[in-house]
N, C-alpha and C. Protein backbone atom coordinates (compact mmCIF):
# COMPACT_ATOMS: atom_id res chain seq x y z
N UNK A 1 -19.81 -12.40 -17.77
CA UNK A 1 -21.33 -11.98 -18.50
C UNK A 1 -21.90 -12.96 -19.50
N UNK A 2 -22.88 -13.22 -19.85
CA UNK A 2 -23.58 -14.06 -20.42
C UNK A 2 -24.19 -13.19 -21.84
N UNK A 3 -24.43 -14.15 -22.97
CA UNK A 3 -24.89 -13.09 -24.34
C UNK A 3 -26.13 -12.75 -24.12
N UNK A 4 -27.03 -13.41 -22.95
CA UNK A 4 -28.39 -12.87 -23.11
C UNK A 4 -28.56 -11.63 -22.20
N UNK A 5 -27.44 -11.03 -21.91
CA UNK A 5 -27.98 -9.69 -20.83
C UNK A 5 -28.41 -8.87 -21.82
N UNK A 6 -29.12 -7.97 -21.20
CA UNK A 6 -29.78 -6.63 -21.67
C UNK A 6 -29.44 -5.68 -21.29
N UNK A 7 -29.29 -4.73 -21.88
CA UNK A 7 -28.32 -3.21 -21.69
C UNK A 7 -29.76 -2.50 -21.81
N UNK A 8 -29.69 -1.30 -21.07
CA UNK A 8 -28.76 -1.06 -20.07
C UNK A 8 -28.81 -1.99 -18.90
N UNK A 9 -27.54 -2.07 -18.41
CA UNK A 9 -27.25 -3.00 -17.01
C UNK A 9 -27.39 -1.77 -15.81
N UNK A 10 -27.88 -2.40 -14.83
CA UNK A 10 -27.57 -1.37 -14.00
C UNK A 10 -26.31 -2.10 -13.15
N UNK A 11 -25.59 -0.56 -12.43
CA UNK A 11 -24.38 -0.78 -11.98
C UNK A 11 -24.44 -1.97 -10.94
N UNK A 12 -25.09 -2.36 -10.20
CA UNK A 12 -25.12 -3.65 -9.26
C UNK A 12 -25.09 -4.79 -9.84
N UNK A 13 -25.86 -5.09 -10.79
CA UNK A 13 -25.93 -6.13 -11.74
C UNK A 13 -24.50 -6.53 -12.50
N UNK A 14 -24.00 -5.18 -13.13
CA UNK A 14 -22.76 -5.16 -13.78
C UNK A 14 -21.64 -5.35 -12.77
N UNK A 15 -21.61 -4.97 -11.57
CA UNK A 15 -20.45 -5.43 -10.89
C UNK A 15 -20.48 -6.77 -10.14
N UNK A 16 -21.72 -7.35 -9.94
CA UNK A 16 -21.97 -8.80 -9.76
C UNK A 16 -21.47 -9.88 -10.68
N UNK A 17 -21.90 -9.19 -12.21
CA UNK A 17 -21.41 -10.06 -13.04
C UNK A 17 -19.95 -10.02 -13.07
N UNK A 18 -19.38 -9.28 -13.10
CA UNK A 18 -17.71 -9.16 -13.26
C UNK A 18 -16.82 -9.48 -12.04
N UNK A 19 -17.78 -9.56 -10.82
CA UNK A 19 -17.35 -10.17 -9.79
C UNK A 19 -16.39 -8.79 -9.04
N UNK A 20 -16.94 -7.61 -9.05
CA UNK A 20 -16.18 -6.69 -8.71
C UNK A 20 -16.95 -5.91 -7.87
N UNK A 21 -16.71 -4.64 -7.33
CA UNK A 21 -17.68 -3.69 -6.58
C UNK A 21 -17.93 -2.59 -7.57
N UNK A 22 -19.38 -2.36 -6.72
CA UNK A 22 -19.98 -1.12 -7.55
C UNK A 22 -18.80 0.20 -7.60
N UNK A 23 -18.03 0.38 -6.12
CA UNK A 23 -16.82 1.13 -5.93
C UNK A 23 -15.78 1.19 -7.04
N UNK A 24 -15.43 -0.11 -7.34
CA UNK A 24 -14.65 0.23 -8.59
C UNK A 24 -14.99 0.41 -9.62
N UNK A 25 -16.03 0.19 -10.12
CA UNK A 25 -16.80 0.92 -11.51
C UNK A 25 -16.91 2.58 -10.92
N UNK A 26 -17.31 3.00 -10.01
CA UNK A 26 -17.13 4.17 -9.76
C UNK A 26 -15.73 5.09 -9.81
N UNK A 27 -15.23 4.14 -9.22
CA UNK A 27 -13.75 4.63 -9.34
C UNK A 27 -12.69 4.85 -10.59
N UNK A 28 -13.21 3.78 -11.51
CA UNK A 28 -12.99 4.07 -13.08
C UNK A 28 -13.58 5.18 -13.52
N UNK A 29 -14.77 5.62 -13.46
CA UNK A 29 -15.31 6.75 -13.88
C UNK A 29 -14.58 8.28 -13.26
N UNK A 30 -14.47 7.87 -11.70
CA UNK A 30 -14.06 9.24 -11.20
C UNK A 30 -12.41 9.68 -11.89
N UNK A 31 -11.69 8.48 -12.17
CA UNK A 31 -10.43 8.89 -12.37
C UNK A 31 -10.64 9.24 -14.41
N UNK A 32 -11.50 8.62 -14.81
CA UNK A 32 -11.39 8.88 -16.09
C UNK A 32 -11.40 7.87 -16.96
N UNK A 33 -10.97 6.60 -16.43
CA UNK A 33 -11.17 5.66 -17.28
C UNK A 33 -12.27 5.19 -17.82
N UNK A 34 -13.50 5.17 -17.25
CA UNK A 34 -14.83 5.27 -17.90
C UNK A 34 -15.54 6.38 -17.86
N UNK A 35 -16.27 6.32 -19.06
CA UNK A 35 -17.11 7.87 -19.18
C UNK A 35 -18.33 7.57 -18.31
N UNK A 36 -18.91 8.89 -17.81
CA UNK A 36 -19.85 9.24 -16.99
C UNK A 36 -21.40 8.29 -17.44
N UNK A 37 -21.75 7.32 -16.39
CA UNK A 37 -22.77 6.39 -17.14
C UNK A 37 -24.10 7.25 -17.20
N UNK A 38 -24.90 6.60 -17.94
CA UNK A 38 -26.31 7.22 -18.24
C UNK A 38 -27.13 6.94 -16.93
N UNK A 39 -28.04 7.40 -16.50
CA UNK A 39 -28.75 6.98 -15.02
C UNK A 39 -30.32 6.87 -15.63
N UNK A 40 -30.72 5.89 -14.71
CA UNK A 40 -32.18 6.07 -14.77
C UNK A 40 -32.78 6.92 -14.08
N UNK A 41 -34.14 7.15 -14.23
CA UNK A 41 -34.94 7.91 -13.65
C UNK A 41 -34.35 8.20 -12.13
N UNK A 42 -34.60 7.00 -11.53
CA UNK A 42 -34.20 7.13 -10.05
C UNK A 42 -32.76 7.25 -9.50
N UNK A 43 -31.97 7.62 -10.56
CA UNK A 43 -30.39 7.91 -10.40
C UNK A 43 -29.33 6.73 -10.29
N UNK A 44 -29.94 5.55 -10.80
CA UNK A 44 -29.00 4.61 -10.70
C UNK A 44 -28.03 4.35 -11.83
N UNK A 45 -26.75 4.13 -11.81
CA UNK A 45 -26.13 4.22 -13.26
C UNK A 45 -26.51 2.93 -13.92
N UNK A 46 -26.49 3.28 -15.31
CA UNK A 46 -26.59 2.09 -16.14
C UNK A 46 -25.71 2.28 -17.04
N UNK A 47 -25.39 0.77 -17.74
CA UNK A 47 -24.20 0.87 -18.51
C UNK A 47 -24.59 0.03 -19.81
N UNK A 48 -24.69 0.89 -20.97
CA UNK A 48 -24.47 -0.04 -22.41
C UNK A 48 -23.59 -1.17 -22.86
N UNK A 49 -23.77 -1.66 -23.71
CA UNK A 49 -22.79 -2.63 -24.39
C UNK A 49 -21.27 -2.04 -24.44
N UNK A 50 -20.71 -0.89 -25.02
CA UNK A 50 -20.01 -0.20 -25.16
C UNK A 50 -19.19 -0.01 -23.91
N UNK A 51 -19.86 0.40 -22.69
CA UNK A 51 -19.24 0.76 -21.65
C UNK A 51 -18.90 -0.76 -20.84
N UNK A 52 -19.85 -1.99 -20.83
CA UNK A 52 -19.49 -2.93 -20.39
C UNK A 52 -17.75 -3.35 -20.90
N UNK A 53 -18.17 -3.25 -22.48
CA UNK A 53 -16.81 -4.16 -23.07
C UNK A 53 -15.36 -3.31 -22.74
N UNK A 54 -15.91 -1.93 -22.49
CA UNK A 54 -14.83 -1.01 -22.09
C UNK A 54 -14.06 -1.63 -20.39
N UNK A 55 -15.27 -1.65 -19.72
CA UNK A 55 -15.03 -2.26 -18.12
C UNK A 55 -14.16 -3.56 -18.28
N UNK A 56 -14.75 -4.47 -19.03
CA UNK A 56 -13.86 -5.80 -19.32
C UNK A 56 -12.35 -5.49 -19.88
N UNK A 57 -12.26 -4.28 -20.83
CA UNK A 57 -10.97 -4.37 -21.00
C UNK A 57 -10.01 -3.76 -20.23
N UNK A 58 -10.37 -2.60 -19.19
CA UNK A 58 -9.60 -2.42 -17.91
C UNK A 58 -9.61 -3.33 -17.46
N UNK A 59 -10.10 -4.07 -16.73
CA UNK A 59 -10.26 -5.39 -15.84
C UNK A 59 -9.28 -6.29 -16.49
N UNK A 60 -8.88 -6.15 -17.72
CA UNK A 60 -8.20 -7.60 -18.15
C UNK A 60 -6.81 -6.87 -18.24
N UNK A 61 -6.74 -5.48 -18.40
CA UNK A 61 -5.41 -4.81 -18.46
C UNK A 61 -4.84 -4.81 -16.87
N UNK A 62 -5.89 -4.76 -16.15
CA UNK A 62 -5.42 -4.63 -14.61
C UNK A 62 -4.99 -6.20 -14.23
N UNK A 63 -5.10 -6.99 -14.63
CA UNK A 63 -5.13 -8.56 -14.24
C UNK A 63 -3.60 -8.85 -15.02
N UNK A 64 -3.27 -7.99 -16.10
CA UNK A 64 -2.29 -8.14 -16.61
C UNK A 64 -0.72 -7.38 -16.24
N UNK A 65 -1.14 -6.71 -15.41
CA UNK A 65 -0.34 -6.11 -14.52
C UNK A 65 -0.39 -4.28 -15.45
N UNK A 66 -1.08 -3.84 -16.27
CA UNK A 66 -0.75 -2.73 -16.68
C UNK A 66 -1.48 -1.35 -15.60
N UNK A 67 -0.34 -0.48 -15.40
CA UNK A 67 -0.77 0.64 -14.22
C UNK A 67 -1.79 1.38 -14.81
N UNK A 68 -2.21 2.02 -13.87
CA UNK A 68 -3.14 3.14 -14.02
C UNK A 68 -2.91 4.16 -15.24
N UNK A 69 -1.44 4.43 -15.12
CA UNK A 69 -0.96 5.45 -15.82
C UNK A 69 -0.93 5.01 -17.51
N UNK A 70 -0.51 3.80 -17.77
CA UNK A 70 -0.44 3.04 -18.86
C UNK A 70 -2.00 3.22 -19.45
N UNK A 71 -2.91 2.71 -18.56
CA UNK A 71 -4.58 2.95 -19.08
C UNK A 71 -4.76 3.92 -19.67
N UNK A 72 -4.49 5.43 -18.93
CA UNK A 72 -4.90 6.71 -18.64
C UNK A 72 -4.28 7.14 -20.42
N UNK A 73 -2.97 6.65 -20.41
CA UNK A 73 -2.59 6.71 -21.92
C UNK A 73 -3.12 6.29 -23.35
N UNK A 74 -3.70 4.84 -22.93
CA UNK A 74 -4.23 4.25 -23.87
C UNK A 74 -5.55 5.05 -24.20
N UNK A 75 -6.22 5.44 -22.91
CA UNK A 75 -7.41 5.81 -22.97
C UNK A 75 -7.39 7.20 -23.82
N UNK A 76 -6.31 8.01 -23.22
CA UNK A 76 -6.27 9.06 -24.16
C UNK A 76 -5.90 9.13 -25.77
N UNK A 77 -5.53 8.09 -26.34
CA UNK A 77 -5.10 7.65 -27.58
C UNK A 77 -6.44 7.28 -28.04
N UNK A 78 -7.12 6.58 -27.47
CA UNK A 78 -8.57 6.46 -28.05
C UNK A 78 -9.50 7.45 -27.95
N UNK A 79 -9.41 8.62 -26.95
CA UNK A 79 -9.97 9.80 -26.90
C UNK A 79 -10.08 10.30 -28.21
N UNK A 80 -8.54 10.63 -28.61
CA UNK A 80 -7.99 11.66 -29.67
C UNK A 80 -8.33 10.91 -30.88
N UNK A 81 -8.36 9.48 -31.13
CA UNK A 81 -8.08 8.87 -32.15
C UNK A 81 -9.59 8.29 -32.52
N UNK A 82 -10.21 7.97 -31.70
CA UNK A 82 -11.84 7.14 -31.66
C UNK A 82 -11.35 5.88 -32.54
N UNK A 83 -10.39 5.17 -32.48
CA UNK A 83 -10.07 3.88 -33.11
C UNK A 83 -9.39 3.05 -31.91
N UNK A 84 -9.87 1.90 -31.92
CA UNK A 84 -9.03 0.85 -31.41
C UNK A 84 -7.98 0.52 -32.06
N UNK A 85 -7.85 0.66 -33.05
CA UNK A 85 -6.76 0.34 -34.04
C UNK A 85 -5.56 1.21 -33.71
N UNK A 86 -5.77 2.45 -33.57
CA UNK A 86 -4.87 3.02 -33.19
C UNK A 86 -4.23 3.13 -31.85
N UNK A 87 -4.78 2.51 -31.00
CA UNK A 87 -4.58 2.05 -29.58
C UNK A 87 -3.53 0.84 -29.77
N UNK A 88 -3.75 -0.03 -30.46
CA UNK A 88 -2.88 -1.16 -30.35
C UNK A 88 -1.81 -1.15 -30.68
N UNK A 89 -1.09 -0.25 -31.29
CA UNK A 89 0.37 -0.23 -31.40
C UNK A 89 1.12 0.14 -29.83
N UNK A 90 0.42 1.05 -29.22
CA UNK A 90 1.07 1.47 -28.14
C UNK A 90 0.84 0.35 -27.21
N UNK A 91 -0.53 -0.15 -26.92
CA UNK A 91 -0.70 -1.26 -26.17
C UNK A 91 0.34 -2.52 -26.42
N UNK A 92 0.80 -2.89 -27.40
CA UNK A 92 1.68 -3.73 -27.95
C UNK A 92 3.26 -3.59 -27.24
N UNK A 93 3.61 -2.28 -27.40
CA UNK A 93 4.86 -1.84 -26.58
C UNK A 93 4.92 -1.69 -25.35
N UNK A 94 3.66 -1.43 -24.71
CA UNK A 94 3.28 -1.70 -23.07
C UNK A 94 3.56 -3.02 -22.95
N UNK A 95 2.98 -3.94 -23.72
CA UNK A 95 2.68 -5.32 -23.16
C UNK A 95 4.53 -6.06 -23.21
N UNK A 96 4.98 -5.36 -24.24
CA UNK A 96 6.45 -5.89 -24.55
C UNK A 96 7.18 -5.56 -23.11
N UNK A 97 7.00 -4.33 -22.85
CA UNK A 97 7.85 -3.72 -21.80
C UNK A 97 7.65 -4.90 -20.60
N UNK A 98 6.52 -5.32 -20.18
CA UNK A 98 6.10 -5.95 -19.00
C UNK A 98 6.76 -7.26 -19.05
N UNK A 99 6.66 -7.86 -20.39
CA UNK A 99 7.04 -9.22 -20.95
C UNK A 99 8.62 -9.07 -20.78
N UNK A 100 9.13 -8.19 -20.86
CA UNK A 100 10.75 -8.01 -20.59
C UNK A 100 11.02 -7.92 -18.97
N UNK A 101 9.99 -7.19 -18.71
CA UNK A 101 10.10 -6.97 -17.00
C UNK A 101 10.08 -8.53 -16.40
N UNK A 102 9.08 -9.06 -16.79
CA UNK A 102 8.56 -10.31 -16.27
C UNK A 102 10.08 -11.24 -16.65
N UNK A 103 10.50 -11.38 -18.05
CA UNK A 103 11.59 -12.02 -18.09
C UNK A 103 12.87 -11.90 -17.23
N UNK A 104 13.12 -10.44 -17.04
CA UNK A 104 14.16 -10.39 -16.27
C UNK A 104 14.26 -10.78 -14.65
N UNK A 105 12.79 -10.88 -14.22
CA UNK A 105 12.33 -11.18 -12.79
C UNK A 105 12.74 -12.48 -12.79
N UNK A 106 11.98 -13.49 -13.87
CA UNK A 106 12.16 -15.02 -14.24
C UNK A 106 13.60 -15.19 -13.61
N UNK A 107 14.42 -14.54 -14.71
CA UNK A 107 16.15 -14.80 -14.87
C UNK A 107 16.82 -14.74 -13.35
N UNK A 108 16.15 -13.48 -12.81
CA UNK A 108 16.95 -13.25 -11.39
C UNK A 108 16.21 -14.57 -10.19
N UNK A 109 15.09 -15.00 -10.53
CA UNK A 109 14.55 -16.29 -9.57
C UNK A 109 15.41 -17.20 -10.06
N UNK A 110 15.30 -17.52 -11.20
CA UNK A 110 16.20 -18.86 -11.76
C UNK A 110 17.74 -18.49 -11.14
N UNK A 111 18.29 -17.25 -10.91
CA UNK A 111 19.79 -17.55 -10.91
C UNK A 111 19.51 -17.82 -9.19
N UNK A 112 18.51 -17.29 -8.41
CA UNK A 112 18.26 -17.28 -6.93
C UNK A 112 18.42 -18.75 -6.55
N UNK A 113 17.47 -19.63 -7.35
CA UNK A 113 17.27 -20.87 -7.04
C UNK A 113 18.69 -21.73 -7.23
N UNK A 114 19.17 -21.47 -8.18
CA UNK A 114 20.77 -21.93 -8.26
C UNK A 114 21.37 -21.49 -7.48
N UNK A 115 21.43 -20.46 -6.91
CA UNK A 115 22.07 -20.11 -5.87
C UNK A 115 21.70 -20.98 -4.36
N UNK A 116 20.76 -20.80 -4.20
CA UNK A 116 20.41 -21.53 -2.92
C UNK A 116 20.47 -22.98 -3.35
N UNK A 117 20.23 -23.73 -4.34
CA UNK A 117 20.71 -25.26 -4.53
C UNK A 117 21.93 -25.54 -4.21
N UNK A 118 22.81 -24.58 -4.57
CA UNK A 118 24.31 -24.94 -4.45
C UNK A 118 24.67 -24.60 -2.83
N UNK A 119 24.22 -23.23 -2.30
CA UNK A 119 24.24 -23.32 -0.76
C UNK A 119 24.21 -24.60 -0.32
N UNK A 120 22.64 -24.89 -0.50
CA UNK A 120 22.04 -26.46 0.17
C UNK A 120 23.09 -27.48 0.30
N UNK A 121 23.89 -27.53 -0.71
CA UNK A 121 24.76 -28.67 -1.42
C UNK A 121 25.73 -28.62 -0.49
N UNK A 122 26.30 -27.51 -0.34
CA UNK A 122 27.33 -27.19 0.40
C UNK A 122 27.14 -27.51 1.97
N UNK A 123 25.81 -26.76 2.46
CA UNK A 123 25.57 -26.85 3.63
C UNK A 123 25.50 -28.20 4.15
N UNK A 124 25.00 -29.22 3.53
CA UNK A 124 24.63 -30.79 3.50
C UNK A 124 25.97 -31.47 3.56
N UNK A 125 26.90 -30.95 2.53
CA UNK A 125 28.19 -31.69 2.55
C UNK A 125 28.86 -31.48 4.17
N UNK A 126 28.72 -30.01 4.51
CA UNK A 126 29.50 -29.69 5.67
C UNK A 126 28.85 -30.79 6.78
N UNK A 127 27.66 -30.52 6.87
CA UNK A 127 26.57 -31.23 7.99
C UNK A 127 27.03 -32.94 7.94
N UNK A 128 27.50 -33.64 6.49
CA UNK A 128 27.81 -35.06 6.83
C UNK A 128 29.25 -35.39 7.10
N UNK A 129 30.23 -34.08 6.82
CA UNK A 129 31.78 -34.51 7.42
C UNK A 129 31.74 -34.24 8.55
N UNK A 130 30.98 -33.32 9.28
CA UNK A 130 31.17 -33.08 10.66
C UNK A 130 31.04 -34.06 11.63
N UNK A 131 29.97 -35.33 11.19
CA UNK A 131 29.42 -35.73 11.95
C UNK A 131 30.06 -37.31 11.86
N UNK A 132 30.55 -37.90 13.49
CA UNK A 132 31.16 -39.29 13.31
C UNK A 132 30.60 -40.22 12.87
């Protein structure tokens, strides 16, 4: 979204600018990650700057692999404390957990690669010694 955007922004335009569907935005509202939006007289949902920033934050968390359960936990901290600074320590813990999980996966993948290379080398040697 560019800085020249005017608020409030209709749901269709917001979805287009963020490359998501309007259904995605409505889903985040339904499950409580996004607040109920304001509506134009025609009933079209519109979003202010704060809601747009919140949606961008949700999308970034999703991109990073943060679960909906974890997002709900963060949202609940924000709702009760009304301070982004109060959310950050828990977010850091969640990110550290995800980093550790990825490190574990990378380690297992590295071991798998080493095993494959060893096995490949053995198979290649067998193939060479059995040929006349």
